[in-house]
Amino acid sequence: MRIIAGTFRSRTLTAPPGMDIRPTSDRLRETLFNVLAPRIENAAFLDLYAGSGAVGLEAISRGASRVTFVERAPAALKILNANLERLGISSGARVHTKSVSAFLKSASLPDRKSADPKSAAPESANPKSERHDVVFLDPPYDEAKEYAITLDLLGGAAQGILAPDAVVVAEHRRKQSLDEQYGSLKRTRVLEQGDAALSFYAVHPRPAGEP
């Protein structure tokens, strides 16, 4: 694995052994960022099921101002932290060591700072206080239910972490069909490459009276 473009162009990344952690291929990442190029500079990027961190690190290299990685698997975290260290990234990146569902559900709770004026926790500690311009999710292909759970949260209870014009991108098997709509998230395009596909979603407010 390598960084494709930007500040860290051609720098290699620590790759996971075996198939337990399946990083997004260089070719698919290039396709992804060709589409996202106009949005990346100074963007807040959320990398869910981050694994090795290859996608979020590519975003940093291309000028994202802030990247949040969410990953709980110890083996993946070890590789992710090694890659951050390898590239010398000490600012502009935050790693949350919890499940994606837990991270997103915490974003649907009342803001802790406003709820408790005596709280000393910084505002940035609550995901709800941060809005993201780009969200990328790449759950393990065999855990199909994770797609619906995560996209339902992003299109519903956790929508508050999305910027008004945010884009949500899900990587999945080409033969796996995702729904056209999850809450307020509506699919805008699908790109297929080999056995993989990228589904792009945008926030579309529902008409009044629609459940």
C-alpha atoms as a PDB file:
ATOM      1  CA  MET A   1       0.000   0.000   0.000  1.00  0.00           C
ATOM      2  CA  ARG A   2       1.065   3.547  -0.691  1.00  0.00           C
ATOM      3  CA  ILE A   3      -0.212   7.098  -0.548  1.00  0.00           C
ATOM      4  CA  ILE A   4      -1.286   8.013  -4.069  1.00  0.00           C
ATOM      5  CA  ALA A   5      -1.112  11.814  -4.127  1.00  0.00           C
ATOM      6  CA  GLY A   6      -0.481  14.924  -2.087  1.00  0.00           C
ATOM      7  CA  THR A   7       2.000  15.743   0.667  1.00  0.00           C
ATOM      8  CA  PHE A   8       2.861  12.096   1.348  1.00  0.00           C
ATOM      9  CA  ARG A   9       2.723  10.940  -2.252  1.00  0.00           C
ATOM     10  CA  SER A  10       4.368   7.533  -2.859  1.00  0.00           C
ATOM     11  CA  ARG A  11       5.043   6.970   0.844  1.00  0.00           C
ATOM     12  CA  THR A  12       4.402   3.345   1.746  1.00  0.00           C
ATOM     13  CA  LEU A  13       2.032   2.228   4.489  1.00  0.00           C
ATOM     14  CA  THR A  14       2.127  -0.756   6.799  1.00  0.00           C
ATOM     15  CA  ALA A  15      -0.127  -3.384   5.260  1.00  0.00           C
ATOM     16  CA  PRO A  16      -2.077  -5.903   7.337  1.00  0.00           C
ATOM     17  CA  PRO A  17      -1.246  -9.606   6.977  1.00  0.00           C
ATOM     18  CA  GLY A  18      -3.947 -12.055   5.924  1.00  0.00           C
ATOM     19  CA  MET A  19      -7.537 -11.116   5.135  1.00  0.00           C
ATOM     20  CA  ASP A  20      -8.923 -10.130   8.544  1.00  0.00           C
ATOM     21  CA  ILE A  21      -8.239  -6.466   7.725  1.00  0.00           C
ATOM     22  CA  ARG A  22      -9.023  -5.663   4.081  1.00  0.00           C
ATOM     23  CA  PRO A  23      -7.619  -2.269   3.111  1.00  0.00           C
ATOM     24  CA  THR A  24      -9.130  -0.363   0.218  1.00  0.00           C
ATOM     25  CA  SER A  25      -6.947  -1.061  -2.814  1.00  0.00           C
ATOM     26  CA  ASP A  26      -4.718   1.664  -4.257  1.00  0.00           C
ATOM     27  CA  ARG A  27      -6.743   1.617  -7.476  1.00  0.00           C
ATOM     28  CA  LEU A  28     -10.093   1.982  -5.736  1.00  0.00           C
ATOM     29  CA  ARG A  29      -8.726   4.738  -3.483  1.00  0.00           C
ATOM     30  CA  GLU A  30      -7.552   6.592  -6.572  1.00  0.00           C
ATOM     31  CA  THR A  31     -11.044   6.313  -8.074  1.00  0.00           C
ATOM     32  CA  LEU A  32     -12.602   7.477  -4.814  1.00  0.00           C
ATOM     33  CA  PHE A  33     -10.402  10.533  -4.467  1.00  0.00           C
ATOM     34  CA  ASN A  34     -10.746  11.466  -8.135  1.00  0.00           C
ATOM     35  CA  VAL A  35     -14.445  11.931  -7.395  1.00  0.00           C
ATOM     36  CA  LEU A  36     -13.904  13.618  -4.024  1.00  0.00           C
ATOM     37  CA  ALA A  37     -11.080  15.907  -5.206  1.00  0.00           C
ATOM     38  CA  PRO A  38     -13.124  19.158  -5.188  1.00  0.00           C
ATOM     39  CA  ARG A  39     -14.208  18.480  -1.576  1.00  0.00           C
ATOM     40  CA  ILE A  40     -11.008  17.370   0.157  1.00  0.00           C
ATOM     41  CA  GLU A  41      -9.018  20.582   0.629  1.00  0.00           C
ATOM     42  CA  ASN A  42      -9.645  21.805   4.214  1.00  0.00           C
ATOM     43  CA  ALA A  43     -12.379  19.203   4.691  1.00  0.00           C
ATOM     44  CA  ALA A  44     -13.327  17.410   7.891  1.00  0.00           C
ATOM     45  CA  PHE A  45     -13.126  13.704   6.970  1.00  0.00           C
ATOM     46  CA  LEU A  46     -14.590  10.802   8.948  1.00  0.00           C
ATOM     47  CA  ASP A  47     -13.091   7.352   8.305  1.00  0.00           C
ATOM     48  CA  LEU A  48     -15.393   4.673   9.794  1.00  0.00           C
ATOM     49  CA  TYR A  49     -14.151   1.087  10.168  1.00  0.00           C
ATOM     50  CA  ALA A  50     -10.774   2.695   9.498  1.00  0.00           C
ATOM     51  CA  GLY A  51      -8.656  -0.466   9.543  1.00  0.00           C
ATOM     52  CA  SER A  52      -5.137   0.429   8.432  1.00  0.00           C
ATOM     53  CA  GLY A  53      -6.205   4.063   7.997  1.00  0.00           C
ATOM     54  CA  ALA A  54      -5.277   4.123   4.305  1.00  0.00           C
ATOM     55  CA  VAL A  55      -8.313   6.135   3.208  1.00  0.00           C
ATOM     56  CA  GLY A  56      -8.130   8.727   5.979  1.00  0.00           C
ATOM     57  CA  LEU A  57      -4.378   9.072   5.526  1.00  0.00           C
ATOM     58  CA  GLU A  58      -4.913   9.697   1.824  1.00  0.00           C
ATOM     59  CA  ALA A  59      -7.336  12.469   2.793  1.00  0.00           C
ATOM     60  CA  ILE A  60      -4.730  14.047   5.085  1.00  0.00           C
ATOM     61  CA  SER A  61      -2.131  13.862   2.324  1.00  0.00           C
ATOM     62  CA  ARG A  62      -4.507  15.627  -0.061  1.00  0.00           C
ATOM     63  CA  GLY A  63      -5.208  18.537   2.296  1.00  0.00           C
ATOM     64  CA  ALA A  64      -8.047  17.553   4.631  1.00  0.00           C
ATOM     65  CA  SER A  65      -7.880  19.775   7.708  1.00  0.00           C
ATOM     66  CA  ARG A  66      -9.124  17.126  10.138  1.00  0.00           C
ATOM     67  CA  VAL A  67      -9.512  13.357   9.901  1.00  0.00           C
ATOM     68  CA  THR A  68     -11.275  11.259  12.503  1.00  0.00           C
ATOM     69  CA  PHE A  69     -10.584   7.521  12.473  1.00  0.00           C
ATOM     70  CA  VAL A  70     -13.006   5.104  14.164  1.00  0.00           C
ATOM     71  CA  GLU A  71     -11.713   1.579  14.758  1.00  0.00           C
ATOM     72  CA  ARG A  72     -11.916  -0.831  17.672  1.00  0.00           C
ATOM     73  CA  ALA A  73     -10.063  -3.994  16.532  1.00  0.00           C
ATOM     74  CA  PRO A  74      -6.688  -4.173  18.356  1.00  0.00           C
ATOM     75  CA  ALA A  75      -4.829  -5.562  15.315  1.00  0.00           C
ATOM     76  CA  ALA A  76      -6.164  -2.807  13.071  1.00  0.00           C
ATOM     77  CA  LEU A  77      -5.425  -0.098  15.655  1.00  0.00           C
ATOM     78  CA  LYS A  78      -1.831  -1.264  15.885  1.00  0.00           C
ATOM     79  CA  ILE A  79      -1.418  -0.884  12.119  1.00  0.00           C
ATOM     80  CA  LEU A  80      -3.271   2.446  12.022  1.00  0.00           C
ATOM     81  CA  ASN A  81      -1.100   3.951  14.764  1.00  0.00           C
ATOM     82  CA  ALA A  82       2.028   2.595  13.075  1.00  0.00           C
ATOM     83  CA  ASN A  83       1.040   4.331   9.839  1.00  0.00           C
ATOM     84  CA  LEU A  84       0.373   7.629  11.607  1.00  0.00           C
ATOM     85  CA  GLU A  85       3.802   7.360  13.207  1.00  0.00           C
ATOM     86  CA  ARG A  86       5.433   6.332   9.924  1.00  0.00           C
ATOM     87  CA  LEU A  87       4.130   9.502   8.249  1.00  0.00           C
ATOM     88  CA  GLY A  88       4.919  11.689  11.253  1.00  0.00           C
ATOM     89  CA  ILE A  89       1.330  12.860  11.648  1.00  0.00           C
ATOM     90  CA  SER A  90       0.865  14.380  15.092  1.00  0.00           C
ATOM     91  CA  SER A  91      -1.943  16.879  14.478  1.00  0.00           C
ATOM     92  CA  GLY A  92      -5.136  16.967  12.465  1.00  0.00           C
ATOM     93  CA  ALA A  93      -5.907  13.324  13.218  1.00  0.00           C
ATOM     94  CA  ARG A  94      -7.931  11.735  16.010  1.00  0.00           C
ATOM     95  CA  VAL A  95      -8.447   8.021  16.636  1.00  0.00           C
ATOM     96  CA  HIS A  96     -11.588   6.813  18.422  1.00  0.00           C
ATOM     97  CA  THR A  97     -11.154   3.287  19.778  1.00  0.00           C
ATOM     98  CA  LYS A  98     -14.789   2.243  19.893  1.00  0.00           C
ATOM     99  CA  SER A  99     -17.349   0.587  17.649  1.00  0.00           C
ATOM    100  CA  VAL A 100     -18.818   2.658  14.855  1.00  0.00           C
ATOM    101  CA  SER A 101     -22.313   2.237  16.300  1.00  0.00           C
ATOM    102  CA  ALA A 102     -21.152   3.482  19.712  1.00  0.00           C
ATOM    103  CA  PHE A 103     -19.402   6.456  18.122  1.00  0.00           C
ATOM    104  CA  LEU A 104     -22.446   7.442  16.067  1.00  0.00           C
ATOM    105  CA  LYS A 105     -24.921   6.853  18.885  1.00  0.00           C
ATOM    106  CA  SER A 106     -22.894   9.150  21.120  1.00  0.00           C
ATOM    107  CA  ALA A 107     -23.402  11.812  18.446  1.00  0.00           C
ATOM    108  CA  SER A 108     -27.176  11.540  18.888  1.00  0.00           C
ATOM    109  CA  LEU A 109     -26.998  12.305  22.619  1.00  0.00           C
ATOM    110  CA  PRO A 110     -27.370  15.830  24.051  1.00  0.00           C
ATOM    111  CA  ASP A 111     -24.124  17.775  23.961  1.00  0.00           C
ATOM    112  CA  ARG A 112     -22.392  17.011  27.258  1.00  0.00           C
ATOM    113  CA  LYS A 113     -20.904  20.457  27.567  1.00  0.00           C
ATOM    114  CA  SER A 114     -24.219  22.247  27.216  1.00  0.00           C
ATOM    115  CA  ALA A 115     -26.039  19.642  29.312  1.00  0.00           C
ATOM    116  CA  ASP A 116     -23.577  19.947  32.179  1.00  0.00           C
ATOM    117  CA  PRO A 117     -22.047  23.425  32.567  1.00  0.00           C
ATOM    118  CA  LYS A 118     -19.646  22.067  35.205  1.00  0.00           C
ATOM    119  CA  SER A 119     -18.184  19.523  32.799  1.00  0.00           C
ATOM    120  CA  ALA A 120     -14.486  20.054  32.071  1.00  0.00           C
ATOM    121  CA  ALA A 121     -14.554  17.876  28.935  1.00  0.00           C
ATOM    122  CA  PRO A 122     -13.581  19.830  25.811  1.00  0.00           C
ATOM    123  CA  GLU A 123     -16.336  20.336  23.267  1.00  0.00           C
ATOM    124  CA  SER A 124     -14.411  18.269  20.703  1.00  0.00           C
ATOM    125  CA  ALA A 125     -14.723  15.223  22.962  1.00  0.00           C
ATOM    126  CA  ASN A 126     -18.355  14.855  21.901  1.00  0.00           C
ATOM    127  CA  PRO A 127     -18.763  13.732  18.267  1.00  0.00           C
ATOM    128  CA  LYS A 128     -21.982  15.743  18.082  1.00  0.00           C
ATOM    129  CA  SER A 129     -19.982  18.976  18.292  1.00  0.00           C
ATOM    130  CA  GLU A 130     -18.082  18.105  15.102  1.00  0.00           C
ATOM    131  CA  ARG A 131     -19.505  18.213  11.597  1.00  0.00           C
ATOM    132  CA  HIS A 132     -17.912  16.275   8.757  1.00  0.00           C
ATOM    133  CA  ASP A 133     -17.797  17.123   5.074  1.00  0.00           C
ATOM    134  CA  VAL A 134     -16.944  13.595   3.914  1.00  0.00           C
ATOM    135  CA  VAL A 135     -17.762  10.279   5.585  1.00  0.00           C
ATOM    136  CA  PHE A 136     -16.281   7.012   4.335  1.00  0.00           C
ATOM    137  CA  LEU A 137     -17.354   3.617   5.601  1.00  0.00           C
ATOM    138  CA  ASP A 138     -15.921   0.231   4.745  1.00  0.00           C
ATOM    139  CA  PRO A 139     -17.296  -2.436   7.091  1.00  0.00           C
ATOM    140  CA  PRO A 140     -16.106  -6.033   6.767  1.00  0.00           C
ATOM    141  CA  TYR A 141     -17.853  -7.359   3.659  1.00  0.00           C
ATOM    142  CA  ASP A 142     -19.196 -10.363   5.569  1.00  0.00           C
ATOM    143  CA  GLU A 143     -20.949  -8.146   8.110  1.00  0.00           C
ATOM    144  CA  ALA A 144     -23.641  -6.873   5.759  1.00  0.00           C
ATOM    145  CA  LYS A 145     -25.865  -5.699   8.608  1.00  0.00           C
ATOM    146  CA  GLU A 146     -23.259  -3.067   9.519  1.00  0.00           C
ATOM    147  CA  TYR A 147     -24.073  -1.115   6.356  1.00  0.00           C
ATOM    148  CA  ALA A 148     -27.755  -0.714   7.240  1.00  0.00           C
ATOM    149  CA  ILE A 149     -27.017   0.066  10.905  1.00  0.00           C
ATOM    150  CA  THR A 150     -24.429   2.712  10.074  1.00  0.00           C
ATOM    151  CA  LEU A 151     -26.235   4.345   7.162  1.00  0.00           C
ATOM    152  CA  ASP A 152     -29.514   4.415   9.127  1.00  0.00           C
ATOM    153  CA  LEU A 153     -27.732   6.246  11.946  1.00  0.00           C
ATOM    154  CA  LEU A 154     -26.063   8.708   9.572  1.00  0.00           C
ATOM    155  CA  GLY A 155     -29.394   9.369   7.871  1.00  0.00           C
ATOM    156  CA  GLY A 156     -31.227   9.655  11.161  1.00  0.00           C
ATOM    157  CA  ALA A 157     -30.179  10.055  14.780  1.00  0.00           C
ATOM    158  CA  ALA A 158     -26.534  10.901  14.008  1.00  0.00           C
ATOM    159  CA  GLN A 159     -27.203  13.212  11.064  1.00  0.00           C
ATOM    160  CA  GLY A 160     -26.044  16.110  13.221  1.00  0.00           C
ATOM    161  CA  ILE A 161     -22.408  15.192  12.579  1.00  0.00           C
ATOM    162  CA  LEU A 162     -22.867  15.795   8.839  1.00  0.00           C
ATOM    163  CA  ALA A 163     -22.202  19.160   7.240  1.00  0.00           C
ATOM    164  CA  PRO A 164     -25.184  20.433   5.185  1.00  0.00           C
ATOM    165  CA  ASP A 165     -23.573  19.413   1.880  1.00  0.00           C
ATOM    166  CA  ALA A 166     -21.774  16.318   3.189  1.00  0.00           C
ATOM    167  CA  VAL A 167     -21.186  13.239   1.090  1.00  0.00           C
ATOM    168  CA  VAL A 168     -21.266   9.727   2.567  1.00  0.00           C
ATOM    169  CA  VAL A 169     -19.457   6.969   0.664  1.00  0.00           C
ATOM    170  CA  ALA A 170     -19.808   3.246   1.338  1.00  0.00           C
ATOM    171  CA  GLU A 171     -17.417   0.674  -0.087  1.00  0.00           C
ATOM    172  CA  HIS A 172     -19.029  -2.717  -0.619  1.00  0.00           C
ATOM    173  CA  ARG A 173     -19.037  -5.823  -2.783  1.00  0.00           C
ATOM    174  CA  ARG A 174     -20.186  -5.107  -6.331  1.00  0.00           C
ATOM    175  CA  LYS A 175     -22.800  -7.854  -6.044  1.00  0.00           C
ATOM    176  CA  GLN A 176     -24.110  -6.521  -2.723  1.00  0.00           C
ATOM    177  CA  SER A 177     -27.038  -4.179  -3.139  1.00  0.00           C
ATOM    178  CA  LEU A 178     -27.408  -1.273  -0.753  1.00  0.00           C
ATOM    179  CA  ASP A 179     -30.688   0.588  -0.405  1.00  0.00           C
ATOM    180  CA  GLU A 180     -31.341   3.735  -2.396  1.00  0.00           C
ATOM    181  CA  GLN A 181     -32.229   5.645   0.759  1.00  0.00           C
ATOM    182  CA  TYR A 182     -31.468   5.478   4.483  1.00  0.00           C
ATOM    183  CA  GLY A 183     -33.452   8.097   6.365  1.00  0.00           C
ATOM    184  CA  SER A 184     -32.389  11.443   4.900  1.00  0.00           C
ATOM    185  CA  LEU A 185     -29.487   9.910   2.969  1.00  0.00           C
ATOM    186  CA  LYS A 186     -30.249   9.306  -0.697  1.00  0.00           C
ATOM    187  CA  ARG A 187     -27.896   7.556  -3.106  1.00  0.00           C
ATOM    188  CA  THR A 188     -26.607   9.763  -5.908  1.00  0.00           C
ATOM    189  CA  ARG A 189     -24.282   7.411  -7.802  1.00  0.00           C
ATOM    190  CA  VAL A 190     -22.563   4.037  -7.801  1.00  0.00           C
ATOM    191  CA  LEU A 191     -19.084   3.339  -9.148  1.00  0.00           C
ATOM    192  CA  GLU A 192     -18.003  -0.254  -9.774  1.00  0.00           C
ATOM    193  CA  GLN A 193     -14.443  -1.483 -10.069  1.00  0.00           C
ATOM    194  CA  GLY A 194     -13.584  -5.158 -10.187  1.00  0.00           C
ATOM    195  CA  ASP A 195     -15.373  -6.939  -7.338  1.00  0.00           C
ATOM    196  CA  ALA A 196     -15.858  -3.715  -5.373  1.00  0.00           C
ATOM    197  CA  ALA A 197     -18.266  -0.790  -5.601  1.00  0.00           C
ATOM    198  CA  LEU A 198     -18.620   2.680  -4.106  1.00  0.00           C
ATOM    199  CA  SER A 199     -22.083   4.013  -3.283  1.00  0.00           C
ATOM    200  CA  PHE A 200     -22.318   7.788  -2.801  1.00  0.00           C
ATOM    201  CA  TYR A 201     -25.054   9.322  -0.631  1.00  0.00           C
ATOM    202  CA  ALA A 202     -26.100  12.914   0.033  1.00  0.00           C
ATOM    203  CA  VAL A 203     -28.491  14.443   2.569  1.00  0.00           C
ATOM    204  CA  HIS A 204     -31.923  15.031   1.069  1.00  0.00           C
ATOM    205  CA  PRO A 205     -34.454  16.521   3.497  1.00  0.00           C
ATOM    206  CA  ARG A 206     -37.714  14.601   3.431  1.00  0.00           C
ATOM    207  CA  PRO A 207     -40.856  16.397   2.243  1.00  0.00           C
ATOM    208  CA  ALA A 208     -43.149  17.581   5.008  1.00  0.00           C
ATOM    209  CA  GLY A 209     -45.424  14.809   6.229  1.00  0.00           C
ATOM    210  CA  GLU A 210     -43.229  11.992   4.902  1.00  0.00           C
ATOM    211  CA  PRO A 211     -42.317   9.484   7.658  1.00  0.00           C
END
